[in-house]
Amino acid sequence: MWDGPIEASGYGRDGHKKAHRVAWERVHGPIPEGHHIHHVCRNRACVNVAHLELLPASEHLRLHGARPLVLLRDVRESQGLSLRDLERASGISRGLLSRFESGLATPRRHELRLLESALRLWPDALQARTFLVYEPIEEGS
């Protein structure tokens, strides 16, 4: 169990990084892009590497009941929209939108509001607005 500073979210903090990520990297090396460290024990303050598991971000999101915004791509393409169109309408970069669509990044509440607002420009897209239902988890948790 981490005995240092604990964030409000329950994660241990080791300097500027989450303690469980530091513990993982000390034993296993760098965490690959697009992967999260999962607490098998479900205790966010745990730094026991035997209780941690490296997972693709999409699998980690699935385990926590989160729905990645993969449906965003379907909605966007059904309206004939490019990432550039959605970037212009929402103010969210194409790179980040792409990461949302692939499940590699978790949108924050304000980003979900920006997306919902942008999609109001295409009323048919809002019929499929269930893609905005999302249970975010903190990236890298």
C-alpha atoms as a PDB file:
ATOM      1  CA  MET A   1       0.000   0.000   0.000  1.00  0.00           C
ATOM      2  CA  TRP A   2       1.276   3.455  -0.892  1.00  0.00           C
ATOM      3  CA  ASP A   3       2.134   5.432   2.231  1.00  0.00           C
ATOM      4  CA  GLY A   4       2.930   8.733   0.501  1.00  0.00           C
ATOM      5  CA  PRO A   5       0.575  11.488  -0.692  1.00  0.00           C
ATOM      6  CA  ILE A   6      -2.845  10.331  -1.925  1.00  0.00           C
ATOM      7  CA  GLU A   7      -4.820  12.265  -4.571  1.00  0.00           C
ATOM      8  CA  ALA A   8      -8.499  13.054  -4.046  1.00  0.00           C
ATOM      9  CA  SER A   9      -9.187  10.342  -6.628  1.00  0.00           C
ATOM     10  CA  GLY A  10      -7.553   7.750  -4.335  1.00  0.00           C
ATOM     11  CA  TYR A  11      -4.355   7.238  -6.357  1.00  0.00           C
ATOM     12  CA  GLY A  12      -0.968   7.449  -4.687  1.00  0.00           C
ATOM     13  CA  ARG A  13       1.243  10.238  -5.991  1.00  0.00           C
ATOM     14  CA  ASP A  14       5.004   9.821  -6.424  1.00  0.00           C
ATOM     15  CA  GLY A  15       6.290  13.202  -7.517  1.00  0.00           C
ATOM     16  CA  HIS A  16       4.506  14.127 -10.735  1.00  0.00           C
ATOM     17  CA  LYS A  17       3.384  10.552 -11.543  1.00  0.00           C
ATOM     18  CA  LYS A  18       0.894   8.128 -10.098  1.00  0.00           C
ATOM     19  CA  ALA A  19       2.598   5.808  -7.638  1.00  0.00           C
ATOM     20  CA  HIS A  20       1.294   2.572  -9.168  1.00  0.00           C
ATOM     21  CA  ARG A  21       2.695   3.566 -12.562  1.00  0.00           C
ATOM     22  CA  VAL A  22       6.107   4.312 -10.997  1.00  0.00           C
ATOM     23  CA  ALA A  23       6.037   0.930  -9.226  1.00  0.00           C
ATOM     24  CA  TRP A  24       5.154  -0.841 -12.496  1.00  0.00           C
ATOM     25  CA  GLU A  25       7.897   0.924 -14.450  1.00  0.00           C
ATOM     26  CA  ARG A  26      10.554   0.111 -11.819  1.00  0.00           C
ATOM     27  CA  VAL A  27       9.873  -3.594 -12.290  1.00  0.00           C
ATOM     28  CA  HIS A  28       8.734  -3.881 -15.918  1.00  0.00           C
ATOM     29  CA  GLY A  29      10.072  -0.795 -17.676  1.00  0.00           C
ATOM     30  CA  PRO A  30       8.146   1.918 -19.543  1.00  0.00           C
ATOM     31  CA  ILE A  31       4.418   1.585 -20.064  1.00  0.00           C
ATOM     32  CA  PRO A  32       3.762   1.322 -23.812  1.00  0.00           C
ATOM     33  CA  GLU A  33       1.676   4.009 -25.517  1.00  0.00           C
ATOM     34  CA  GLY A  34      -2.008   3.088 -25.548  1.00  0.00           C
ATOM     35  CA  HIS A  35      -1.794   0.942 -22.418  1.00  0.00           C
ATOM     36  CA  HIS A  36      -3.021   1.429 -18.860  1.00  0.00           C
ATOM     37  CA  ILE A  37      -2.031  -0.188 -15.587  1.00  0.00           C
ATOM     38  CA  HIS A  38      -5.022  -1.941 -14.062  1.00  0.00           C
ATOM     39  CA  HIS A  39      -5.414  -2.516 -10.318  1.00  0.00           C
ATOM     40  CA  VAL A  40      -6.552  -6.137 -10.171  1.00  0.00           C
ATOM     41  CA  CYS A  41      -7.213  -5.591  -6.450  1.00  0.00           C
ATOM     42  CA  ARG A  42      -9.363  -2.499  -7.261  1.00  0.00           C
ATOM     43  CA  ASN A  43      -7.460  -0.475  -4.650  1.00  0.00           C
ATOM     44  CA  ARG A  44      -6.168   2.710  -6.291  1.00  0.00           C
ATOM     45  CA  ALA A  45      -3.553   3.294  -3.579  1.00  0.00           C
ATOM     46  CA  CYS A  46      -2.011  -0.159  -4.073  1.00  0.00           C
ATOM     47  CA  VAL A  47       1.543  -0.269  -5.471  1.00  0.00           C
ATOM     48  CA  ASN A  48       2.086  -4.029  -5.178  1.00  0.00           C
ATOM     49  CA  VAL A  49       3.131  -4.991  -8.722  1.00  0.00           C
ATOM     50  CA  ALA A  50       1.601  -8.446  -8.177  1.00  0.00           C
ATOM     51  CA  HIS A  51      -1.759  -6.613  -8.022  1.00  0.00           C
ATOM     52  CA  LEU A  52      -1.118  -4.612 -11.205  1.00  0.00           C
ATOM     53  CA  GLU A  53      -1.692  -5.652 -14.797  1.00  0.00           C
ATOM     54  CA  LEU A  54      -0.725  -4.023 -18.106  1.00  0.00           C
ATOM     55  CA  LEU A  55      -3.760  -3.760 -20.387  1.00  0.00           C
ATOM     56  CA  PRO A  56      -4.558  -2.096 -23.703  1.00  0.00           C
ATOM     57  CA  ALA A  57      -6.486   1.092 -22.942  1.00  0.00           C
ATOM     58  CA  SER A  58      -9.612  -0.193 -24.697  1.00  0.00           C
ATOM     59  CA  GLU A  59      -9.640  -3.369 -22.568  1.00  0.00           C
ATOM     60  CA  HIS A  60      -9.108  -1.346 -19.391  1.00  0.00           C
ATOM     61  CA  LEU A  61     -12.003   0.933 -20.298  1.00  0.00           C
ATOM     62  CA  ARG A  62     -14.181  -2.120 -20.996  1.00  0.00           C
ATOM     63  CA  LEU A  63     -13.317  -3.666 -17.622  1.00  0.00           C
ATOM     64  CA  HIS A  64     -14.427  -0.509 -15.873  1.00  0.00           C
ATOM     65  CA  GLY A  65     -17.692  -0.340 -17.763  1.00  0.00           C
ATOM     66  CA  ALA A  66     -16.626   2.653 -19.844  1.00  0.00           C
ATOM     67  CA  ARG A  67     -17.702   2.911 -23.447  1.00  0.00           C
ATOM     68  CA  PRO A  68     -14.980   4.300 -25.665  1.00  0.00           C
ATOM     69  CA  LEU A  69     -16.182   6.756 -28.245  1.00  0.00           C
ATOM     70  CA  VAL A  70     -15.782   4.292 -31.096  1.00  0.00           C
ATOM     71  CA  LEU A  71     -19.362   5.106 -32.041  1.00  0.00           C
ATOM     72  CA  LEU A  72     -18.242   8.677 -32.596  1.00  0.00           C
ATOM     73  CA  ARG A  73     -16.533   7.519 -35.807  1.00  0.00           C
ATOM     74  CA  ASP A  74     -19.754   5.828 -36.980  1.00  0.00           C
ATOM     75  CA  VAL A  75     -21.818   8.927 -36.243  1.00  0.00           C
ATOM     76  CA  ARG A  76     -19.238  11.234 -37.804  1.00  0.00           C
ATOM     77  CA  GLU A  77     -18.890   9.147 -40.960  1.00  0.00           C
ATOM     78  CA  SER A  78     -22.659   8.621 -41.308  1.00  0.00           C
ATOM     79  CA  GLN A  79     -22.960  12.414 -41.535  1.00  0.00           C
ATOM     80  CA  GLY A  80     -20.122  12.632 -44.034  1.00  0.00           C
ATOM     81  CA  LEU A  81     -17.944  14.491 -41.535  1.00  0.00           C
ATOM     82  CA  SER A  82     -14.185  14.392 -41.406  1.00  0.00           C
ATOM     83  CA  LEU A  83     -12.134  14.735 -38.248  1.00  0.00           C
ATOM     84  CA  ARG A  84     -11.264  18.205 -39.534  1.00  0.00           C
ATOM     85  CA  ASP A  85     -14.994  19.121 -39.664  1.00  0.00           C
ATOM     86  CA  LEU A  86     -15.479  17.970 -36.092  1.00  0.00           C
ATOM     87  CA  GLU A  87     -12.270  19.721 -35.016  1.00  0.00           C
ATOM     88  CA  ARG A  88     -13.511  23.027 -36.457  1.00  0.00           C
ATOM     89  CA  ALA A  89     -16.934  22.666 -34.852  1.00  0.00           C
ATOM     90  CA  SER A  90     -15.763  21.483 -31.431  1.00  0.00           C
ATOM     91  CA  GLY A  91     -12.349  23.100 -31.017  1.00  0.00           C
ATOM     92  CA  ILE A  92     -10.904  19.686 -30.071  1.00  0.00           C
ATOM     93  CA  SER A  93      -7.800  18.696 -32.042  1.00  0.00           C
ATOM     94  CA  ARG A  94      -8.056  15.982 -34.700  1.00  0.00           C
ATOM     95  CA  GLY A  95      -5.387  13.985 -32.898  1.00  0.00           C
ATOM     96  CA  LEU A  96      -7.358  13.954 -29.673  1.00  0.00           C
ATOM     97  CA  LEU A  97     -10.615  13.187 -31.487  1.00  0.00           C
ATOM     98  CA  SER A  98      -8.885  10.237 -33.128  1.00  0.00           C
ATOM     99  CA  ARG A  99      -7.683   9.008 -29.733  1.00  0.00           C
ATOM    100  CA  PHE A 100     -11.248   9.292 -28.390  1.00  0.00           C
ATOM    101  CA  GLU A 101     -12.547   7.249 -31.311  1.00  0.00           C
ATOM    102  CA  SER A 102      -9.976   4.513 -30.762  1.00  0.00           C
ATOM    103  CA  GLY A 103     -10.458   4.403 -26.999  1.00  0.00           C
ATOM    104  CA  LEU A 104      -6.867   5.496 -26.343  1.00  0.00           C
ATOM    105  CA  ALA A 105      -7.960   8.673 -24.560  1.00  0.00           C
ATOM    106  CA  THR A 106     -10.795   9.425 -22.197  1.00  0.00           C
ATOM    107  CA  PRO A 107     -12.715  12.640 -22.848  1.00  0.00           C
ATOM    108  CA  ARG A 108     -13.247  14.992 -19.960  1.00  0.00           C
ATOM    109  CA  ARG A 109     -16.674  16.403 -19.184  1.00  0.00           C
ATOM    110  CA  HIS A 110     -15.978  19.716 -20.929  1.00  0.00           C
ATOM    111  CA  GLU A 111     -14.835  17.815 -24.049  1.00  0.00           C
ATOM    112  CA  LEU A 112     -18.052  15.790 -24.058  1.00  0.00           C
ATOM    113  CA  ARG A 113     -20.022  19.041 -23.847  1.00  0.00           C
ATOM    114  CA  LEU A 114     -18.006  20.489 -26.746  1.00  0.00           C
ATOM    115  CA  LEU A 115     -18.703  17.381 -28.843  1.00  0.00           C
ATOM    116  CA  GLU A 116     -22.399  17.444 -28.052  1.00  0.00           C
ATOM    117  CA  SER A 117     -22.546  21.131 -28.929  1.00  0.00           C
ATOM    118  CA  ALA A 118     -20.661  20.589 -32.182  1.00  0.00           C
ATOM    119  CA  LEU A 119     -22.904  17.729 -33.234  1.00  0.00           C
ATOM    120  CA  ARG A 120     -25.973  19.943 -32.856  1.00  0.00           C
ATOM    121  CA  LEU A 121     -24.883  21.376 -36.204  1.00  0.00           C
ATOM    122  CA  TRP A 122     -25.818  17.987 -37.688  1.00  0.00           C
ATOM    123  CA  PRO A 123     -29.247  17.119 -36.170  1.00  0.00           C
ATOM    124  CA  ASP A 124     -29.262  13.571 -37.555  1.00  0.00           C
ATOM    125  CA  ALA A 125     -26.090  12.873 -35.620  1.00  0.00           C
ATOM    126  CA  LEU A 126     -27.818  13.614 -32.329  1.00  0.00           C
ATOM    127  CA  GLN A 127     -30.247  10.757 -32.906  1.00  0.00           C
ATOM    128  CA  ALA A 128     -27.268   8.548 -32.132  1.00  0.00           C
ATOM    129  CA  ARG A 129     -26.131  10.612 -29.167  1.00  0.00           C
ATOM    130  CA  THR A 130     -25.867   7.561 -26.916  1.00  0.00           C
ATOM    131  CA  PHE A 131     -22.187   7.618 -27.900  1.00  0.00           C
ATOM    132  CA  LEU A 132     -21.857  10.509 -25.461  1.00  0.00           C
ATOM    133  CA  VAL A 133     -22.848   8.261 -22.575  1.00  0.00           C
ATOM    134  CA  TYR A 134     -19.506   7.531 -21.056  1.00  0.00           C
ATOM    135  CA  GLU A 135     -18.224   6.497 -17.654  1.00  0.00           C
ATOM    136  CA  PRO A 136     -14.781   8.050 -17.699  1.00  0.00           C
ATOM    137  CA  ILE A 137     -11.928   6.593 -15.709  1.00  0.00           C
ATOM    138  CA  GLU A 138      -8.718   8.407 -15.148  1.00  0.00           C
ATOM    139  CA  GLU A 139      -6.242   7.631 -17.914  1.00  0.00           C
ATOM    140  CA  GLY A 140      -3.469   5.383 -16.781  1.00  0.00           C
ATOM    141  CA  SER A 141      -5.364   4.145 -13.745  1.00  0.00           C
END
